[in-house]
N, C-alpha and C. Protein backbone atom coordinates (compact mmCIF):
# COMPACT_ATOMS: atom_id res chain seq x y z
N UNK A 1 -2.29 11.45 1.22
CA UNK A 1 -2.79 10.69 0.10
C UNK A 1 -1.68 10.69 -0.91
N UNK A 2 -1.24 9.52 -1.26
CA UNK A 2 -0.17 9.36 -2.27
C UNK A 2 -0.77 9.28 -3.66
N UNK A 3 -0.36 10.18 -4.45
CA UNK A 3 -0.71 10.21 -5.88
C UNK A 3 0.54 10.60 -6.63
N UNK A 4 0.85 9.80 -7.66
CA UNK A 4 2.04 10.11 -8.49
C UNK A 4 1.65 10.67 -9.84
N UNK A 5 2.16 11.80 -10.14
CA UNK A 5 1.88 12.45 -11.42
C UNK A 5 2.28 11.58 -12.58
N UNK A 6 3.40 10.80 -12.48
CA UNK A 6 3.86 9.95 -13.44
C UNK A 6 3.07 8.74 -13.69
N UNK A 7 2.17 8.36 -12.61
CA UNK A 7 1.39 7.17 -12.75
C UNK A 7 -0.01 7.57 -12.41
N UNK A 8 -0.80 8.17 -13.24
CA UNK A 8 -2.15 8.60 -12.92
C UNK A 8 -3.07 7.40 -12.80
N UNK A 9 -4.09 7.62 -11.92
CA UNK A 9 -5.07 6.60 -11.81
C UNK A 9 -4.96 5.74 -10.56
N UNK A 10 -4.00 6.02 -9.72
CA UNK A 10 -3.82 5.32 -8.45
C UNK A 10 -3.87 6.26 -7.27
N UNK A 11 -4.50 5.88 -6.20
CA UNK A 11 -4.59 6.70 -5.03
C UNK A 11 -4.38 5.86 -3.78
N UNK A 12 -3.58 6.27 -2.83
CA UNK A 12 -3.35 5.53 -1.64
C UNK A 12 -3.51 6.41 -0.40
N UNK A 13 -4.31 5.87 0.55
CA UNK A 13 -4.60 6.58 1.76
C UNK A 13 -4.33 5.67 2.94
N UNK A 14 -3.75 6.17 3.98
CA UNK A 14 -3.61 5.46 5.29
C UNK A 14 -4.48 6.06 6.27
N UNK A 15 -5.34 5.21 6.92
CA UNK A 15 -6.26 5.69 7.90
C UNK A 15 -5.89 5.12 9.28
N UNK A 16 -5.87 5.91 10.31
CA UNK A 16 -5.52 5.52 11.62
C UNK A 16 -6.76 5.69 12.44
N UNK A 17 -7.30 4.54 13.04
CA UNK A 17 -8.51 4.55 13.83
C UNK A 17 -9.70 5.20 13.08
N UNK A 18 -9.71 5.00 11.79
CA UNK A 18 -10.84 5.48 10.96
C UNK A 18 -10.64 6.87 10.31
N UNK A 19 -9.58 7.58 10.75
CA UNK A 19 -9.35 8.89 10.24
C UNK A 19 -8.16 8.96 9.23
N UNK A 20 -8.24 9.74 8.23
CA UNK A 20 -7.16 9.89 7.29
C UNK A 20 -5.93 10.37 8.04
N UNK A 21 -4.82 9.70 7.90
CA UNK A 21 -3.57 10.14 8.66
C UNK A 21 -3.03 11.34 8.02
N UNK A 22 -2.64 12.29 8.97
CA UNK A 22 -1.96 13.49 8.52
C UNK A 22 -0.59 13.11 7.87
N UNK A 23 -0.33 13.69 6.71
CA UNK A 23 0.95 13.42 6.11
C UNK A 23 1.97 14.56 6.20
N UNK A 24 3.19 14.20 6.27
CA UNK A 24 4.24 15.15 6.32
C UNK A 24 5.26 14.90 5.24
N UNK A 25 5.82 15.95 4.56
CA UNK A 25 6.65 15.69 3.42
C UNK A 25 8.01 15.08 3.85
N UNK A 26 8.60 14.39 2.94
CA UNK A 26 9.97 13.77 3.24
C UNK A 26 10.97 14.88 3.38
N UNK A 27 11.64 15.04 4.49
CA UNK A 27 12.59 16.13 4.68
C UNK A 27 13.84 15.92 3.79
N UNK A 28 14.13 14.76 3.23
CA UNK A 28 15.27 14.64 2.40
C UNK A 28 14.91 13.94 1.07
N UNK A 29 13.99 14.45 0.29
CA UNK A 29 13.57 13.75 -0.93
C UNK A 29 14.64 13.59 -1.96
N UNK A 30 15.63 14.38 -2.00
CA UNK A 30 16.71 14.26 -2.98
C UNK A 30 17.58 13.01 -2.67
N UNK A 31 17.53 12.51 -1.45
CA UNK A 31 18.29 11.36 -1.16
C UNK A 31 17.64 10.02 -1.53
N UNK A 32 16.43 10.10 -1.88
CA UNK A 32 15.56 8.87 -2.26
C UNK A 32 15.51 8.85 -3.72
N UNK A 33 16.25 8.04 -4.39
CA UNK A 33 16.19 7.89 -5.80
C UNK A 33 15.83 6.47 -6.15
N UNK A 34 14.93 6.35 -7.11
CA UNK A 34 14.48 5.09 -7.52
C UNK A 34 14.30 5.01 -9.09
N UNK A 35 14.31 3.80 -9.53
CA UNK A 35 14.08 3.68 -11.03
C UNK A 35 12.67 3.93 -11.35
N UNK A 36 11.74 3.65 -10.50
CA UNK A 36 10.32 3.83 -10.72
C UNK A 36 9.85 5.00 -9.99
N UNK A 37 8.77 5.64 -10.36
CA UNK A 37 8.18 6.79 -9.64
C UNK A 37 7.95 6.41 -8.17
N UNK A 38 8.28 7.36 -7.26
CA UNK A 38 8.10 7.05 -5.86
C UNK A 38 7.44 8.30 -5.22
N UNK A 39 6.53 7.97 -4.19
CA UNK A 39 6.04 9.04 -3.35
C UNK A 39 6.42 8.70 -1.95
N UNK A 40 7.07 9.56 -1.22
CA UNK A 40 7.50 9.28 0.12
C UNK A 40 6.95 10.35 1.03
N UNK A 41 6.07 9.99 1.99
CA UNK A 41 5.53 10.94 2.97
C UNK A 41 5.64 10.20 4.33
N UNK A 42 5.60 10.95 5.35
CA UNK A 42 5.60 10.41 6.73
C UNK A 42 4.20 10.58 7.37
N UNK A 43 3.83 9.66 8.11
CA UNK A 43 2.62 9.81 8.92
C UNK A 43 2.93 9.56 10.35
N UNK A 44 2.20 10.13 11.30
CA UNK A 44 2.42 9.91 12.70
C UNK A 44 1.81 8.59 13.11
N UNK A 45 2.61 7.85 13.81
CA UNK A 45 2.00 6.55 14.45
C UNK A 45 1.45 6.97 15.82
N UNK A 46 0.30 6.29 16.09
CA UNK A 46 -0.34 6.49 17.36
C UNK A 46 -0.23 5.16 18.13
N UNK A 47 0.41 5.21 19.27
CA UNK A 47 0.75 4.04 20.00
C UNK A 47 -0.54 3.11 20.12
N UNK A 48 -0.38 1.83 19.68
CA UNK A 48 -1.40 0.81 19.86
C UNK A 48 -2.64 1.08 19.00
N UNK A 49 -2.57 1.96 18.05
CA UNK A 49 -3.78 2.31 17.26
C UNK A 49 -3.83 1.39 15.97
N UNK A 50 -4.96 1.03 15.52
CA UNK A 50 -5.14 0.19 14.36
C UNK A 50 -5.01 1.19 13.17
N UNK A 51 -4.54 0.59 12.09
CA UNK A 51 -4.57 1.42 10.85
C UNK A 51 -4.92 0.51 9.58
N UNK A 52 -5.32 1.17 8.55
CA UNK A 52 -5.63 0.42 7.35
C UNK A 52 -5.03 1.26 6.21
N UNK A 53 -4.66 0.50 5.06
CA UNK A 53 -4.18 1.14 3.87
C UNK A 53 -5.29 0.93 2.82
N UNK A 54 -5.75 2.06 2.25
CA UNK A 54 -6.77 1.96 1.21
C UNK A 54 -6.11 2.36 -0.11
N UNK A 55 -6.30 1.50 -1.06
CA UNK A 55 -5.70 1.65 -2.47
C UNK A 55 -6.90 1.72 -3.41
N UNK A 56 -6.94 2.84 -4.25
CA UNK A 56 -7.94 2.88 -5.27
C UNK A 56 -7.24 2.96 -6.63
N UNK A 57 -7.58 2.03 -7.58
CA UNK A 57 -7.10 2.11 -8.93
C UNK A 57 -8.30 2.49 -9.78
N UNK A 58 -8.20 3.68 -10.36
CA UNK A 58 -9.33 4.21 -11.18
C UNK A 58 -9.12 3.72 -12.64
N UNK A 59 -10.26 3.85 -13.38
CA UNK A 59 -10.23 3.44 -14.76
C UNK A 59 -9.27 4.18 -15.61
N UNK A 60 -8.76 5.29 -15.17
CA UNK A 60 -7.75 6.02 -15.95
C UNK A 60 -6.41 5.47 -15.87
N UNK A 61 -6.16 4.46 -15.01
CA UNK A 61 -4.87 3.81 -14.86
C UNK A 61 -4.60 3.11 -16.23
N UNK A 62 -3.30 3.14 -16.67
CA UNK A 62 -2.91 2.65 -17.94
C UNK A 62 -2.50 1.17 -17.87
N UNK A 63 -3.42 0.26 -18.27
CA UNK A 63 -3.15 -1.16 -18.16
C UNK A 63 -2.60 -1.71 -19.59
N UNK A 64 -2.14 -0.81 -20.43
CA UNK A 64 -1.91 -1.21 -21.81
C UNK A 64 -0.52 -1.84 -22.02
N UNK A 65 0.26 -2.07 -21.02
CA UNK A 65 1.60 -2.61 -21.11
C UNK A 65 1.53 -3.97 -21.72
N UNK A 66 0.57 -4.79 -21.34
CA UNK A 66 0.49 -6.17 -21.74
C UNK A 66 -0.92 -6.68 -21.43
N UNK A 67 -1.44 -7.57 -22.14
CA UNK A 67 -2.75 -8.07 -21.85
C UNK A 67 -2.85 -8.74 -20.47
N UNK A 68 -1.79 -9.21 -19.92
CA UNK A 68 -1.77 -9.85 -18.67
C UNK A 68 -1.32 -9.00 -17.52
N UNK A 69 -1.09 -7.75 -17.81
CA UNK A 69 -0.58 -6.71 -16.84
C UNK A 69 -1.62 -6.62 -15.70
N UNK A 70 -1.08 -6.54 -14.43
CA UNK A 70 -1.92 -6.23 -13.26
C UNK A 70 -0.96 -5.55 -12.30
N UNK A 71 -1.60 -5.13 -11.18
CA UNK A 71 -0.81 -4.51 -10.08
C UNK A 71 -0.84 -5.40 -8.86
N UNK A 72 0.27 -5.49 -8.25
CA UNK A 72 0.35 -6.34 -6.97
C UNK A 72 0.67 -5.23 -5.89
N UNK A 73 -0.10 -5.21 -4.82
CA UNK A 73 0.08 -4.34 -3.75
C UNK A 73 0.52 -5.11 -2.51
N UNK A 74 1.59 -4.67 -1.87
CA UNK A 74 1.95 -5.30 -0.51
C UNK A 74 2.55 -4.25 0.39
N UNK A 75 2.54 -4.52 1.64
CA UNK A 75 2.87 -3.61 2.73
C UNK A 75 4.07 -4.11 3.41
N UNK A 76 5.03 -3.25 3.75
CA UNK A 76 6.19 -3.49 4.58
C UNK A 76 6.37 -2.49 5.69
N UNK A 77 6.75 -3.00 6.85
CA UNK A 77 6.99 -2.10 7.97
C UNK A 77 8.49 -2.30 8.41
N UNK A 78 9.24 -1.29 8.49
CA UNK A 78 10.63 -1.33 8.94
C UNK A 78 11.41 -2.31 7.98
N UNK A 79 11.10 -2.39 6.68
CA UNK A 79 11.77 -3.22 5.75
C UNK A 79 11.37 -4.72 5.81
N UNK A 80 10.39 -5.07 6.59
CA UNK A 80 9.93 -6.39 6.74
C UNK A 80 8.54 -6.47 6.17
N UNK A 81 8.41 -7.48 5.35
CA UNK A 81 7.02 -7.63 4.69
C UNK A 81 6.06 -8.12 5.80
N UNK A 82 4.84 -7.51 5.80
CA UNK A 82 3.85 -7.81 6.72
C UNK A 82 3.11 -9.09 6.47
N UNK A 83 3.74 -10.20 6.69
CA UNK A 83 3.13 -11.47 6.42
C UNK A 83 2.58 -11.56 4.97
N UNK A 84 1.46 -12.02 4.85
CA UNK A 84 0.87 -12.10 3.47
C UNK A 84 -0.16 -10.95 3.38
N UNK A 85 0.26 -9.71 3.43
CA UNK A 85 -0.63 -8.58 3.36
C UNK A 85 -0.53 -7.90 1.95
N UNK A 86 -1.42 -8.22 1.17
CA UNK A 86 -1.41 -7.71 -0.21
C UNK A 86 -2.55 -8.26 -1.06
N UNK A 87 -2.52 -7.83 -2.28
CA UNK A 87 -3.63 -8.15 -3.21
C UNK A 87 -3.09 -7.87 -4.63
N UNK A 88 -3.74 -8.54 -5.54
CA UNK A 88 -3.50 -8.34 -7.00
C UNK A 88 -4.72 -7.58 -7.54
N UNK A 89 -4.48 -6.55 -8.32
CA UNK A 89 -5.58 -5.75 -8.94
C UNK A 89 -5.40 -5.91 -10.47
N UNK A 90 -6.49 -6.37 -11.11
CA UNK A 90 -6.49 -6.62 -12.56
C UNK A 90 -7.31 -5.56 -13.30
N UNK A 91 -7.06 -5.46 -14.55
CA UNK A 91 -7.85 -4.54 -15.45
C UNK A 91 -9.29 -4.89 -15.37
N UNK A 92 -9.66 -6.17 -15.33
CA UNK A 92 -11.02 -6.62 -15.34
C UNK A 92 -11.71 -6.13 -14.03
N UNK A 93 -11.04 -6.19 -12.94
CA UNK A 93 -11.59 -5.69 -11.58
C UNK A 93 -11.84 -4.19 -11.71
N UNK A 94 -10.90 -3.46 -12.27
CA UNK A 94 -11.01 -2.00 -12.36
C UNK A 94 -12.09 -1.56 -13.28
N UNK A 95 -12.25 -2.17 -14.37
CA UNK A 95 -13.23 -1.72 -15.42
C UNK A 95 -14.61 -2.28 -15.06
N UNK A 96 -14.73 -3.17 -14.10
CA UNK A 96 -16.06 -3.74 -13.76
C UNK A 96 -16.89 -2.67 -13.01
N UNK A 97 -16.25 -1.67 -12.43
CA UNK A 97 -17.01 -0.72 -11.64
C UNK A 97 -16.75 0.67 -12.14
N UNK A 98 -17.72 1.48 -12.26
CA UNK A 98 -17.53 2.87 -12.77
C UNK A 98 -16.49 3.62 -11.94
N UNK A 99 -16.43 3.32 -10.61
CA UNK A 99 -15.52 4.08 -9.75
C UNK A 99 -14.08 3.43 -9.60
N UNK A 100 -13.82 2.34 -10.39
CA UNK A 100 -12.50 1.68 -10.35
C UNK A 100 -12.58 0.58 -9.29
N UNK A 101 -11.41 0.14 -8.77
CA UNK A 101 -11.31 -0.91 -7.76
C UNK A 101 -10.69 -0.37 -6.48
N UNK A 102 -11.39 -0.64 -5.40
CA UNK A 102 -10.94 -0.20 -4.08
C UNK A 102 -10.53 -1.38 -3.28
N UNK A 103 -9.37 -1.36 -2.73
CA UNK A 103 -8.86 -2.46 -1.80
C UNK A 103 -8.56 -1.86 -0.46
N UNK A 104 -8.95 -2.60 0.55
CA UNK A 104 -8.73 -2.13 1.91
C UNK A 104 -7.84 -3.18 2.63
N UNK A 105 -6.60 -2.81 2.89
CA UNK A 105 -5.68 -3.72 3.55
C UNK A 105 -5.60 -3.35 5.00
N UNK A 106 -6.10 -4.25 5.87
CA UNK A 106 -6.17 -3.97 7.26
C UNK A 106 -5.48 -5.04 8.20
N UNK A 107 -4.98 -6.08 7.51
CA UNK A 107 -4.43 -7.15 8.28
C UNK A 107 -3.47 -7.97 7.39
N UNK A 108 -2.65 -8.78 8.07
CA UNK A 108 -1.82 -9.68 7.40
C UNK A 108 -2.07 -11.12 7.85
N UNK A 109 -1.93 -12.02 6.89
CA UNK A 109 -2.04 -13.44 7.20
C UNK A 109 -0.62 -13.98 7.51
N UNK A 110 -0.57 -14.71 8.68
CA UNK A 110 0.69 -15.29 9.05
C UNK A 110 0.57 -16.70 9.20
N UNK A 111 1.50 -17.50 8.66
CA UNK A 111 1.46 -18.94 8.83
C UNK A 111 2.35 -19.34 10.05
N UNK A 112 1.78 -20.11 10.86
CA UNK A 112 2.42 -20.68 12.10
C UNK A 112 2.16 -22.12 12.08
N UNK A 113 3.19 -22.91 11.64
CA UNK A 113 2.91 -24.34 11.54
C UNK A 113 1.92 -24.54 10.41
N UNK A 114 0.90 -25.34 10.70
CA UNK A 114 -0.12 -25.69 9.73
C UNK A 114 -1.34 -24.75 9.77
N UNK A 115 -1.23 -23.70 10.60
CA UNK A 115 -2.32 -22.72 10.84
C UNK A 115 -2.05 -21.41 10.24
N UNK A 116 -3.03 -20.68 9.74
CA UNK A 116 -2.90 -19.36 9.28
C UNK A 116 -3.73 -18.48 10.18
N UNK A 117 -3.14 -17.37 10.62
CA UNK A 117 -3.77 -16.44 11.52
C UNK A 117 -3.82 -15.10 10.88
N UNK A 118 -4.93 -14.32 11.07
CA UNK A 118 -5.02 -12.91 10.66
C UNK A 118 -4.59 -12.06 11.78
N UNK A 119 -3.71 -11.11 11.45
CA UNK A 119 -3.18 -10.15 12.42
C UNK A 119 -3.55 -8.78 11.95
N UNK A 120 -4.47 -8.09 12.65
CA UNK A 120 -4.88 -6.72 12.27
C UNK A 120 -3.60 -5.84 12.42
N UNK A 121 -3.55 -4.86 11.46
CA UNK A 121 -2.48 -3.85 11.54
C UNK A 121 -2.70 -2.96 12.77
N UNK A 122 -1.61 -2.78 13.55
CA UNK A 122 -1.68 -1.94 14.71
C UNK A 122 -0.26 -1.43 15.02
N UNK A 123 -0.15 -0.10 15.27
CA UNK A 123 1.09 0.52 15.53
C UNK A 123 1.64 0.05 16.87
N UNK A 124 2.88 -0.14 16.94
CA UNK A 124 3.52 -0.60 18.16
C UNK A 124 3.81 0.73 18.97
N UNK A 125 4.21 0.55 20.24
CA UNK A 125 4.54 1.69 21.01
C UNK A 125 5.98 2.05 20.62
N UNK A 126 6.19 3.31 20.24
CA UNK A 126 7.42 3.77 19.80
C UNK A 126 8.04 4.61 20.92
N UNK A 127 9.30 4.35 21.20
CA UNK A 127 9.90 5.20 22.26
C UNK A 127 10.38 6.48 21.56
N UNK A 128 10.33 7.55 22.38
CA UNK A 128 10.73 8.89 21.92
C UNK A 128 12.12 8.85 21.29
N UNK A 129 12.21 9.48 20.08
CA UNK A 129 13.49 9.52 19.40
C UNK A 129 13.75 8.42 18.42
N UNK A 130 12.75 7.45 18.34
CA UNK A 130 12.91 6.38 17.32
C UNK A 130 11.84 6.52 16.30
N UNK A 131 12.03 5.82 15.24
CA UNK A 131 11.10 5.97 14.03
C UNK A 131 10.87 4.64 13.49
N UNK A 132 9.76 4.48 12.80
CA UNK A 132 9.47 3.20 12.08
C UNK A 132 9.08 3.62 10.63
N UNK A 133 9.41 2.76 9.74
CA UNK A 133 9.09 3.13 8.25
C UNK A 133 8.03 2.13 7.76
N UNK A 134 7.06 2.61 7.10
CA UNK A 134 6.02 1.72 6.49
C UNK A 134 6.18 1.93 4.96
N UNK A 135 6.28 0.90 4.19
CA UNK A 135 6.38 0.96 2.71
C UNK A 135 5.18 0.29 2.12
N UNK A 136 4.55 0.93 1.16
CA UNK A 136 3.52 0.33 0.41
C UNK A 136 4.02 0.18 -1.01
N UNK A 137 4.05 -0.94 -1.60
CA UNK A 137 4.58 -1.10 -2.97
C UNK A 137 3.41 -1.46 -3.88
N UNK A 138 3.37 -0.75 -5.00
CA UNK A 138 2.38 -0.99 -6.05
C UNK A 138 3.27 -1.39 -7.23
N UNK A 139 3.25 -2.74 -7.51
CA UNK A 139 4.20 -3.27 -8.52
C UNK A 139 3.46 -3.70 -9.75
N UNK A 140 3.72 -3.14 -10.95
CA UNK A 140 3.14 -3.66 -12.14
C UNK A 140 3.78 -5.03 -12.42
N UNK A 141 2.94 -6.02 -12.63
CA UNK A 141 3.41 -7.30 -12.91
C UNK A 141 2.76 -7.94 -14.05
N UNK A 142 3.37 -8.92 -14.71
CA UNK A 142 2.66 -9.75 -15.67
C UNK A 142 2.10 -10.92 -14.93
N UNK A 143 0.83 -10.97 -14.86
CA UNK A 143 0.21 -12.02 -14.01
C UNK A 143 0.34 -13.37 -14.62
N UNK A 144 0.75 -14.22 -13.74
CA UNK A 144 0.84 -15.67 -14.22
C UNK A 144 -0.44 -16.45 -13.87
N UNK A 145 -1.43 -15.75 -13.28
CA UNK A 145 -2.66 -16.42 -12.94
C UNK A 145 -3.68 -16.52 -13.97
N UNK A 146 -3.42 -15.81 -15.02
CA UNK A 146 -4.47 -15.85 -16.26
C UNK A 146 -3.80 -16.47 -17.45
């Protein structure tokens, strides 16, 4: 479960086949430097298993940067964005429920010609000795939709 002390009010969990994925610490955290707070953990991929990313933004999250401030969530695997897999979370959505806003990302929309297809997240078969990286970005943005 990814929680950043510097950014209270956000929780991220990856579930594999319905179970919370076991997390392992980054063996080289000192090599990962970023301008914004980062949480880096590893999870085990299970060949051909479906997975979901659950994001919860609690009412304690600080939306005071700007009246149009919101969070944009999107998923990348091996540095490639997973189609159109993401969502925008606004202060209004978070404050509308006592428990905050919960988003469940389990698929990506992909455009092929004039058609859009939903592709459920599923781990590929990984050969022994190789690794894949999944990144989940929570980006504070000034929403242009309001």
